[in-house]
Amino acid sequence: MDELAISVKIADRPYKMTVKAEEEEVIRKAARLINKKIEEYANTYAFNDNQDLLAMVSLWFSTSSLKAQTAVRTDNDDLINGLQTLEKLLSEHKEG
């Protein structure tokens, strides 16, 4: 398992970490997305310090994650229902 020592900057603070080589790109992309959201909120809302911006970005990411989880569950339920219907039709056709 190859690991890399990297540094990412979030809200103008560097964070050093050791990550799996295959995770480096997604971690760097996540840091860029966080910084982009921080900038968006800084340009849109009044804030006292970076802590306020980080809290707002954390809430946005959490909300987005929960919405995505719900969508996946709904899609899975729809897929299961569709497969069950198909299985029933195939069984009826086989028997008939």
C-alpha atoms as a PDB file:
ATOM      1  CA  MET A   1       0.000   0.000   0.000  1.00  0.00           C
ATOM      2  CA  ASP A   2       1.705   3.170  -1.254  1.00  0.00           C
ATOM      3  CA  GLU A   3       1.239   6.202   0.951  1.00  0.00           C
ATOM      4  CA  LEU A   4       2.106   9.809   0.282  1.00  0.00           C
ATOM      5  CA  ALA A   5       2.752  12.726   2.582  1.00  0.00           C
ATOM      6  CA  ILE A   6       0.770  15.647   1.183  1.00  0.00           C
ATOM      7  CA  SER A   7      -0.276  19.096   2.258  1.00  0.00           C
ATOM      8  CA  VAL A   8      -3.585  20.700   1.378  1.00  0.00           C
ATOM      9  CA  LYS A   9      -4.658  24.226   2.172  1.00  0.00           C
ATOM     10  CA  ILE A  10      -8.168  24.815   3.475  1.00  0.00           C
ATOM     11  CA  ALA A  11      -9.292  28.317   4.418  1.00  0.00           C
ATOM     12  CA  ASP A  12      -5.695  29.546   4.088  1.00  0.00           C
ATOM     13  CA  ARG A  13      -4.388  26.954   6.560  1.00  0.00           C
ATOM     14  CA  PRO A  14      -2.094  24.126   5.469  1.00  0.00           C
ATOM     15  CA  TYR A  15      -2.920  20.602   6.613  1.00  0.00           C
ATOM     16  CA  LYS A  16      -0.317  17.880   6.313  1.00  0.00           C
ATOM     17  CA  MET A  17      -1.514  14.319   6.057  1.00  0.00           C
ATOM     18  CA  THR A  18      -0.505  10.887   4.913  1.00  0.00           C
ATOM     19  CA  VAL A  19      -2.864   9.384   2.359  1.00  0.00           C
ATOM     20  CA  LYS A  20      -3.047   6.359   0.105  1.00  0.00           C
ATOM     21  CA  ALA A  21      -1.616   7.206  -3.306  1.00  0.00           C
ATOM     22  CA  GLU A  22      -4.919   6.381  -5.018  1.00  0.00           C
ATOM     23  CA  GLU A  23      -6.759   8.832  -2.716  1.00  0.00           C
ATOM     24  CA  GLU A  24      -4.496  11.823  -3.315  1.00  0.00           C
ATOM     25  CA  GLU A  25      -6.401  13.259  -6.263  1.00  0.00           C
ATOM     26  CA  VAL A  26      -9.815  13.002  -4.617  1.00  0.00           C
ATOM     27  CA  ILE A  27      -8.486  14.630  -1.421  1.00  0.00           C
ATOM     28  CA  ARG A  28      -6.972  17.510  -3.368  1.00  0.00           C
ATOM     29  CA  LYS A  29     -10.201  17.890  -5.338  1.00  0.00           C
ATOM     30  CA  ALA A  30     -12.199  17.928  -2.097  1.00  0.00           C
ATOM     31  CA  ALA A  31      -9.941  20.637  -0.664  1.00  0.00           C
ATOM     32  CA  ARG A  32     -10.436  22.741  -3.821  1.00  0.00           C
ATOM     33  CA  LEU A  33     -14.202  22.288  -3.566  1.00  0.00           C
ATOM     34  CA  ILE A  34     -14.192  23.305   0.103  1.00  0.00           C
ATOM     35  CA  ASN A  35     -12.169  26.421  -0.694  1.00  0.00           C
ATOM     36  CA  LYS A  36     -14.478  27.279  -3.596  1.00  0.00           C
ATOM     37  CA  LYS A  37     -17.531  26.986  -1.323  1.00  0.00           C
ATOM     38  CA  ILE A  38     -15.823  29.084   1.357  1.00  0.00           C
ATOM     39  CA  GLU A  39     -15.196  31.782  -1.251  1.00  0.00           C
ATOM     40  CA  GLU A  40     -18.812  31.612  -2.464  1.00  0.00           C
ATOM     41  CA  TYR A  41     -20.160  31.994   1.075  1.00  0.00           C
ATOM     42  CA  ALA A  42     -17.678  34.772   1.863  1.00  0.00           C
ATOM     43  CA  ASN A  43     -18.942  36.710  -1.162  1.00  0.00           C
ATOM     44  CA  THR A  44     -22.610  36.088  -0.348  1.00  0.00           C
ATOM     45  CA  TYR A  45     -23.047  36.250   3.425  1.00  0.00           C
ATOM     46  CA  ALA A  46     -21.866  38.355   6.321  1.00  0.00           C
ATOM     47  CA  PHE A  47     -19.449  36.492   8.565  1.00  0.00           C
ATOM     48  CA  ASN A  48     -17.224  37.167  11.531  1.00  0.00           C
ATOM     49  CA  ASP A  49     -14.373  34.779  10.762  1.00  0.00           C
ATOM     50  CA  ASN A  50     -13.412  31.633   8.875  1.00  0.00           C
ATOM     51  CA  GLN A  51     -15.094  29.527  11.558  1.00  0.00           C
ATOM     52  CA  ASP A  52     -18.468  30.860  10.414  1.00  0.00           C
ATOM     53  CA  LEU A  53     -17.634  30.055   6.799  1.00  0.00           C
ATOM     54  CA  LEU A  54     -16.396  26.560   7.679  1.00  0.00           C
ATOM     55  CA  ALA A  55     -19.584  25.885   9.630  1.00  0.00           C
ATOM     56  CA  MET A  56     -21.740  27.010   6.703  1.00  0.00           C
ATOM     57  CA  VAL A  57     -19.728  24.893   4.242  1.00  0.00           C
ATOM     58  CA  SER A  58     -19.947  21.894   6.592  1.00  0.00           C
ATOM     59  CA  LEU A  59     -23.715  22.281   6.732  1.00  0.00           C
ATOM     60  CA  TRP A  60     -23.887  22.518   2.921  1.00  0.00           C
ATOM     61  CA  PHE A  61     -21.776  19.356   2.479  1.00  0.00           C
ATOM     62  CA  SER A  62     -23.769  17.448   5.093  1.00  0.00           C
ATOM     63  CA  THR A  63     -27.056  18.442   3.495  1.00  0.00           C
ATOM     64  CA  SER A  64     -25.790  17.470   0.048  1.00  0.00           C
ATOM     65  CA  SER A  65     -24.575  14.117   1.358  1.00  0.00           C
ATOM     66  CA  LEU A  66     -27.896  13.346   3.031  1.00  0.00           C
ATOM     67  CA  LYS A  67     -29.817  14.269  -0.129  1.00  0.00           C
ATOM     68  CA  ALA A  68     -27.548  12.010  -2.202  1.00  0.00           C
ATOM     69  CA  GLN A  69     -28.016   9.114   0.239  1.00  0.00           C
ATOM     70  CA  THR A  70     -31.796   9.521   0.029  1.00  0.00           C
ATOM     71  CA  ALA A  71     -31.658   9.614  -3.776  1.00  0.00           C
ATOM     72  CA  VAL A  72     -29.553   6.442  -3.860  1.00  0.00           C
ATOM     73  CA  ARG A  73     -31.975   4.652  -1.539  1.00  0.00           C
ATOM     74  CA  THR A  74     -34.908   5.743  -3.708  1.00  0.00           C
ATOM     75  CA  ASP A  75     -33.112   4.619  -6.872  1.00  0.00           C
ATOM     76  CA  ASN A  76     -32.270   1.271  -5.247  1.00  0.00           C
ATOM     77  CA  ASP A  77     -35.885   0.796  -4.167  1.00  0.00           C
ATOM     78  CA  ASP A  78     -37.088   1.604  -7.688  1.00  0.00           C
ATOM     79  CA  LEU A  79     -34.564  -0.825  -9.158  1.00  0.00           C
ATOM     80  CA  ILE A  80     -35.581  -3.604  -6.769  1.00  0.00           C
ATOM     81  CA  ASN A  81     -39.265  -3.034  -7.535  1.00  0.00           C
ATOM     82  CA  GLY A  82     -38.563  -3.106 -11.256  1.00  0.00           C
ATOM     83  CA  LEU A  83     -36.560  -6.320 -10.962  1.00  0.00           C
ATOM     84  CA  GLN A  84     -39.288  -7.950  -8.885  1.00  0.00           C
ATOM     85  CA  THR A  85     -41.874  -6.993 -11.506  1.00  0.00           C
ATOM     86  CA  LEU A  86     -39.661  -8.372 -14.270  1.00  0.00           C
ATOM     87  CA  GLU A  87     -39.092 -11.587 -12.313  1.00  0.00           C
ATOM     88  CA  LYS A  88     -42.856 -11.975 -11.828  1.00  0.00           C
ATOM     89  CA  LEU A  89     -43.523 -11.430 -15.538  1.00  0.00           C
ATOM     90  CA  LEU A  90     -40.843 -13.951 -16.492  1.00  0.00           C
ATOM     91  CA  SER A  91     -42.268 -16.496 -14.051  1.00  0.00           C
ATOM     92  CA  GLU A  92     -45.779 -15.993 -15.427  1.00  0.00           C
ATOM     93  CA  HIS A  93     -44.518 -16.325 -19.003  1.00  0.00           C
ATOM     94  CA  LYS A  94     -42.538 -19.470 -18.144  1.00  0.00           C
ATOM     95  CA  GLU A  95     -45.550 -21.073 -16.463  1.00  0.00           C
ATOM     96  CA  GLY A  96     -47.999 -20.027 -19.198  1.00  0.00           C
END
